[in-house]
Amino acid sequence: MHFIFEVHIKPGYTAEQYAQAWVRASELIQQAPGARGTRLHRMIGDPDRLLAIASWASKADRDAMEARHDERVSAIIREQAEFCDIRVIGEFADPEWVVLPDRD
């Protein structure tokens, strides 16, 4: 499954500064069972708008990580709160099968 959220960087802060903190938190979160990686993307035409995607083996794995409540991760999130607004987009299941068009 994928956990997806959007980050809006506030004036006076940069996406690069946020990304440094995001990497620190991601390195901790990705130690949890079922973690399959994270990605941070910058919106084309709006460098202060980011999309974060965390991939997990299952929703249960992600829920278990949240339930453990790592204070180190919470501290990183708290320190970034004044510099950005975060909006959770949602949790999305991996498709059981994928159909792709032919590329002729």
N, C-alpha and C. Protein backbone atom coordinates (compact mmCIF):
# COMPACT_ATOMS: atom_id res chain seq x y z
N MET A 1 0.84 -1.17 0.00
CA MET A 1 0.00 0.00 0.00
C MET A 1 0.88 1.23 0.00
N HIS A 2 0.26 2.33 -0.36
CA HIS A 2 0.99 3.60 -0.40
C HIS A 2 0.29 4.61 0.50
N PHE A 3 1.07 5.29 1.33
CA PHE A 3 0.58 6.39 2.15
C PHE A 3 1.09 7.66 1.48
N ILE A 4 0.17 8.55 1.09
CA ILE A 4 0.54 9.72 0.29
C ILE A 4 0.10 10.99 1.00
N PHE A 5 1.03 11.96 1.07
CA PHE A 5 0.67 13.26 1.62
C PHE A 5 1.36 14.38 0.84
N GLU A 6 0.75 15.55 0.94
CA GLU A 6 1.24 16.73 0.24
C GLU A 6 1.83 17.70 1.26
N VAL A 7 2.93 18.33 0.90
CA VAL A 7 3.61 19.27 1.78
C VAL A 7 3.68 20.62 1.08
N HIS A 8 3.23 21.67 1.77
CA HIS A 8 3.35 23.04 1.27
C HIS A 8 4.38 23.75 2.14
N ILE A 9 5.48 24.16 1.53
CA ILE A 9 6.55 24.85 2.24
C ILE A 9 6.16 26.31 2.43
N LYS A 10 6.32 26.81 3.65
CA LYS A 10 5.97 28.20 3.96
C LYS A 10 7.09 29.14 3.53
N PRO A 11 6.75 30.41 3.26
CA PRO A 11 7.77 31.39 2.87
C PRO A 11 8.90 31.48 3.91
N GLY A 12 10.11 31.64 3.43
CA GLY A 12 11.27 31.74 4.30
C GLY A 12 11.93 30.40 4.59
N TYR A 13 11.37 29.33 4.03
CA TYR A 13 11.92 27.99 4.20
C TYR A 13 12.05 27.40 2.82
N THR A 14 12.85 26.37 2.65
CA THR A 14 13.01 25.79 1.32
C THR A 14 12.66 24.31 1.33
N ALA A 15 12.34 23.81 0.17
CA ALA A 15 12.07 22.38 0.01
C ALA A 15 13.32 21.57 0.37
N GLU A 16 14.48 22.10 0.08
CA GLU A 16 15.73 21.40 0.41
C GLU A 16 15.89 21.25 1.92
N GLN A 17 15.54 22.30 2.66
CA GLN A 17 15.61 22.22 4.11
C GLN A 17 14.62 21.17 4.64
N TYR A 18 13.41 21.19 4.11
CA TYR A 18 12.42 20.19 4.52
C TYR A 18 12.91 18.78 4.16
N ALA A 19 13.48 18.64 2.98
CA ALA A 19 13.92 17.32 2.51
C ALA A 19 14.98 16.72 3.44
N GLN A 20 15.83 17.54 4.01
CA GLN A 20 16.83 17.03 4.95
C GLN A 20 16.16 16.38 6.16
N ALA A 21 15.15 17.05 6.70
CA ALA A 21 14.41 16.50 7.85
C ALA A 21 13.61 15.28 7.43
N TRP A 22 13.03 15.34 6.24
CA TRP A 22 12.22 14.23 5.72
C TRP A 22 13.08 12.96 5.59
N VAL A 23 14.31 13.12 5.13
CA VAL A 23 15.22 11.97 5.01
C VAL A 23 15.52 11.39 6.39
N ARG A 24 15.77 12.24 7.37
CA ARG A 24 16.06 11.75 8.72
C ARG A 24 14.88 10.93 9.25
N ALA A 25 13.67 11.45 9.10
CA ALA A 25 12.48 10.73 9.57
C ALA A 25 12.27 9.45 8.77
N SER A 26 12.44 9.53 7.46
CA SER A 26 12.24 8.36 6.61
C SER A 26 13.20 7.23 6.95
N GLU A 27 14.45 7.57 7.24
CA GLU A 27 15.43 6.55 7.60
C GLU A 27 14.99 5.78 8.84
N LEU A 28 14.38 6.46 9.79
CA LEU A 28 13.88 5.81 11.00
C LEU A 28 12.63 4.98 10.69
N ILE A 29 11.69 5.58 9.98
CA ILE A 29 10.44 4.89 9.67
C ILE A 29 10.69 3.65 8.83
N GLN A 30 11.64 3.72 7.92
CA GLN A 30 11.89 2.60 7.02
C GLN A 30 12.57 1.41 7.69
N GLN A 31 12.89 1.52 8.95
CA GLN A 31 13.41 0.39 9.72
C GLN A 31 12.28 -0.53 10.19
N ALA A 32 11.04 -0.06 10.09
CA ALA A 32 9.89 -0.84 10.57
C ALA A 32 9.61 -2.01 9.63
N PRO A 33 9.13 -3.12 10.19
CA PRO A 33 8.75 -4.27 9.35
C PRO A 33 7.70 -3.87 8.30
N GLY A 34 7.90 -4.31 7.08
CA GLY A 34 6.95 -4.03 6.01
C GLY A 34 7.21 -2.75 5.24
N ALA A 35 8.15 -1.92 5.69
CA ALA A 35 8.47 -0.68 4.99
C ALA A 35 9.14 -1.01 3.66
N ARG A 36 8.70 -0.35 2.60
CA ARG A 36 9.23 -0.64 1.25
C ARG A 36 9.81 0.59 0.55
N GLY A 37 10.03 1.66 1.28
CA GLY A 37 10.66 2.82 0.68
C GLY A 37 9.79 4.06 0.68
N THR A 38 10.45 5.18 0.51
CA THR A 38 9.76 6.47 0.45
C THR A 38 10.31 7.28 -0.71
N ARG A 39 9.48 8.19 -1.18
CA ARG A 39 9.89 9.10 -2.26
C ARG A 39 9.31 10.48 -1.98
N LEU A 40 10.06 11.51 -2.34
CA LEU A 40 9.60 12.88 -2.20
C LEU A 40 9.74 13.54 -3.56
N HIS A 41 8.65 14.11 -4.05
CA HIS A 41 8.62 14.72 -5.38
C HIS A 41 8.27 16.20 -5.26
N ARG A 42 8.87 16.99 -6.13
CA ARG A 42 8.56 18.43 -6.20
C ARG A 42 7.60 18.65 -7.37
N MET A 43 6.60 19.49 -7.14
CA MET A 43 5.61 19.78 -8.18
C MET A 43 6.25 20.66 -9.27
N ILE A 44 6.01 20.30 -10.50
CA ILE A 44 6.49 21.10 -11.63
C ILE A 44 5.80 22.45 -11.57
N GLY A 45 6.58 23.51 -11.62
CA GLY A 45 6.02 24.86 -11.63
C GLY A 45 5.74 25.43 -10.24
N ASP A 46 5.88 24.64 -9.19
CA ASP A 46 5.65 25.12 -7.83
C ASP A 46 6.66 24.43 -6.91
N PRO A 47 7.87 25.01 -6.76
CA PRO A 47 8.93 24.35 -6.01
C PRO A 47 8.65 24.23 -4.51
N ASP A 48 7.61 24.88 -4.03
CA ASP A 48 7.28 24.81 -2.61
C ASP A 48 6.14 23.83 -2.33
N ARG A 49 5.80 23.03 -3.30
CA ARG A 49 4.75 22.03 -3.13
C ARG A 49 5.34 20.66 -3.43
N LEU A 50 5.26 19.76 -2.45
CA LEU A 50 5.90 18.46 -2.55
C LEU A 50 4.87 17.35 -2.37
N LEU A 51 5.17 16.21 -2.93
CA LEU A 51 4.33 15.03 -2.77
C LEU A 51 5.21 13.93 -2.17
N ALA A 52 4.77 13.38 -1.03
CA ALA A 52 5.52 12.32 -0.36
C ALA A 52 4.75 11.02 -0.48
N ILE A 53 5.46 9.96 -0.82
CA ILE A 53 4.86 8.64 -0.98
C ILE A 53 5.68 7.64 -0.18
N ALA A 54 5.01 6.97 0.77
CA ALA A 54 5.65 5.90 1.54
C ALA A 54 4.98 4.59 1.16
N SER A 55 5.77 3.61 0.80
CA SER A 55 5.24 2.32 0.37
C SER A 55 5.42 1.29 1.48
N TRP A 56 4.40 0.45 1.63
CA TRP A 56 4.37 -0.56 2.70
C TRP A 56 3.88 -1.87 2.14
N ALA A 57 4.29 -2.96 2.77
CA ALA A 57 3.82 -4.28 2.37
C ALA A 57 2.32 -4.41 2.60
N SER A 58 1.81 -3.74 3.66
CA SER A 58 0.37 -3.79 3.95
C SER A 58 -0.02 -2.61 4.82
N LYS A 59 -1.30 -2.33 4.87
CA LYS A 59 -1.82 -1.29 5.76
C LYS A 59 -1.56 -1.68 7.21
N ALA A 60 -1.67 -2.96 7.52
CA ALA A 60 -1.41 -3.44 8.88
C ALA A 60 0.03 -3.12 9.31
N ASP A 61 0.99 -3.25 8.40
CA ASP A 61 2.38 -2.92 8.72
C ASP A 61 2.53 -1.44 9.03
N ARG A 62 1.90 -0.60 8.22
CA ARG A 62 1.98 0.84 8.48
C ARG A 62 1.29 1.21 9.78
N ASP A 63 0.11 0.64 10.01
CA ASP A 63 -0.62 0.91 11.26
C ASP A 63 0.22 0.48 12.47
N ALA A 64 0.92 -0.66 12.37
CA ALA A 64 1.75 -1.14 13.47
C ALA A 64 2.90 -0.17 13.73
N MET A 65 3.50 0.38 12.66
CA MET A 65 4.57 1.36 12.83
C MET A 65 4.03 2.59 13.56
N GLU A 66 2.88 3.07 13.16
CA GLU A 66 2.27 4.24 13.80
C GLU A 66 1.98 3.96 15.28
N ALA A 67 1.51 2.75 15.59
CA ALA A 67 1.15 2.39 16.96
C ALA A 67 2.38 2.34 17.88
N ARG A 68 3.55 2.05 17.31
CA ARG A 68 4.78 1.99 18.12
C ARG A 68 5.22 3.38 18.57
N HIS A 69 4.84 4.41 17.85
CA HIS A 69 5.13 5.81 18.18
C HIS A 69 6.61 6.04 18.53
N ASP A 70 7.41 6.25 17.52
CA ASP A 70 8.83 6.54 17.70
C ASP A 70 8.98 8.03 18.02
N GLU A 71 9.43 8.34 19.22
CA GLU A 71 9.56 9.73 19.66
C GLU A 71 10.56 10.49 18.79
N ARG A 72 11.54 9.82 18.24
CA ARG A 72 12.51 10.51 17.37
C ARG A 72 11.81 11.03 16.11
N VAL A 73 10.92 10.24 15.54
CA VAL A 73 10.17 10.66 14.36
C VAL A 73 9.22 11.80 14.74
N SER A 74 8.55 11.66 15.87
CA SER A 74 7.63 12.72 16.33
C SER A 74 8.36 14.04 16.52
N ALA A 75 9.58 13.99 17.05
CA ALA A 75 10.35 15.21 17.26
C ALA A 75 10.69 15.88 15.93
N ILE A 76 11.04 15.10 14.93
CA ILE A 76 11.35 15.67 13.61
C ILE A 76 10.10 16.31 13.03
N ILE A 77 8.97 15.65 13.14
CA ILE A 77 7.71 16.19 12.62
C ILE A 77 7.37 17.50 13.34
N ARG A 78 7.52 17.52 14.66
CA ARG A 78 7.22 18.74 15.42
C ARG A 78 8.13 19.90 15.01
N GLU A 79 9.42 19.62 14.80
CA GLU A 79 10.35 20.69 14.45
C GLU A 79 10.05 21.27 13.07
N GLN A 80 9.44 20.50 12.19
CA GLN A 80 9.11 20.97 10.84
C GLN A 80 7.74 21.64 10.76
N ALA A 81 6.90 21.45 11.75
CA ALA A 81 5.51 21.91 11.70
C ALA A 81 5.37 23.40 11.43
N GLU A 82 6.26 24.21 11.96
CA GLU A 82 6.14 25.66 11.76
C GLU A 82 6.56 26.09 10.35
N PHE A 83 7.24 25.21 9.62
CA PHE A 83 7.78 25.56 8.32
C PHE A 83 6.96 25.04 7.14
N CYS A 84 5.96 24.22 7.42
CA CYS A 84 5.19 23.65 6.32
C CYS A 84 3.79 23.25 6.78
N ASP A 85 2.92 23.11 5.82
CA ASP A 85 1.58 22.57 6.05
C ASP A 85 1.52 21.22 5.36
N ILE A 86 1.02 20.23 6.07
CA ILE A 86 0.93 18.88 5.53
C ILE A 86 -0.53 18.47 5.43
N ARG A 87 -0.88 17.93 4.28
CA ARG A 87 -2.24 17.44 4.05
C ARG A 87 -2.15 15.99 3.61
N VAL A 88 -2.74 15.12 4.41
CA VAL A 88 -2.76 13.70 4.04
C VAL A 88 -3.73 13.53 2.88
N ILE A 89 -3.26 12.91 1.82
CA ILE A 89 -4.11 12.62 0.66
C ILE A 89 -4.83 11.30 0.89
N GLY A 90 -4.10 10.31 1.41
CA GLY A 90 -4.77 9.06 1.74
C GLY A 90 -3.89 7.84 1.62
N GLU A 91 -4.53 6.70 1.85
CA GLU A 91 -3.90 5.39 1.76
C GLU A 91 -4.46 4.69 0.53
N PHE A 92 -3.57 4.17 -0.28
CA PHE A 92 -3.96 3.56 -1.55
C PHE A 92 -3.40 2.15 -1.64
N ALA A 93 -4.24 1.22 -2.05
CA ALA A 93 -3.81 -0.17 -2.20
C ALA A 93 -3.00 -0.34 -3.47
N ASP A 94 -2.03 -1.24 -3.40
CA ASP A 94 -1.34 -1.65 -4.61
C ASP A 94 -2.33 -2.47 -5.43
N PRO A 95 -2.34 -2.28 -6.73
CA PRO A 95 -3.25 -3.10 -7.53
C PRO A 95 -2.80 -4.56 -7.53
N GLU A 96 -3.77 -5.45 -7.55
CA GLU A 96 -3.43 -6.87 -7.62
C GLU A 96 -2.95 -7.25 -9.01
N TRP A 97 -3.37 -6.46 -10.00
CA TRP A 97 -2.88 -6.66 -11.34
C TRP A 97 -2.91 -5.32 -12.05
N VAL A 98 -2.07 -5.18 -13.04
CA VAL A 98 -1.95 -3.91 -13.76
C VAL A 98 -2.05 -4.19 -15.25
N VAL A 99 -2.82 -3.37 -15.93
CA VAL A 99 -2.94 -3.46 -17.39
C VAL A 99 -2.27 -2.22 -17.95
N LEU A 100 -1.29 -2.44 -18.81
CA LEU A 100 -0.58 -1.35 -19.46
C LEU A 100 -0.82 -1.39 -20.96
N PRO A 101 -0.97 -0.21 -21.58
CA PRO A 101 -1.15 -0.21 -23.03
C PRO A 101 0.13 -0.62 -23.74
N ASP A 102 -0.02 -1.15 -24.92
CA ASP A 102 1.14 -1.47 -25.76
C ASP A 102 1.86 -0.19 -26.12
N ARG A 103 3.17 -0.28 -26.22
CA ARG A 103 3.96 0.91 -26.57
C ARG A 103 4.57 0.70 -27.95
N ASP A 104 3.74 0.84 -28.97
CA ASP A 104 4.22 0.65 -30.35
C ASP A 104 4.70 1.94 -30.94
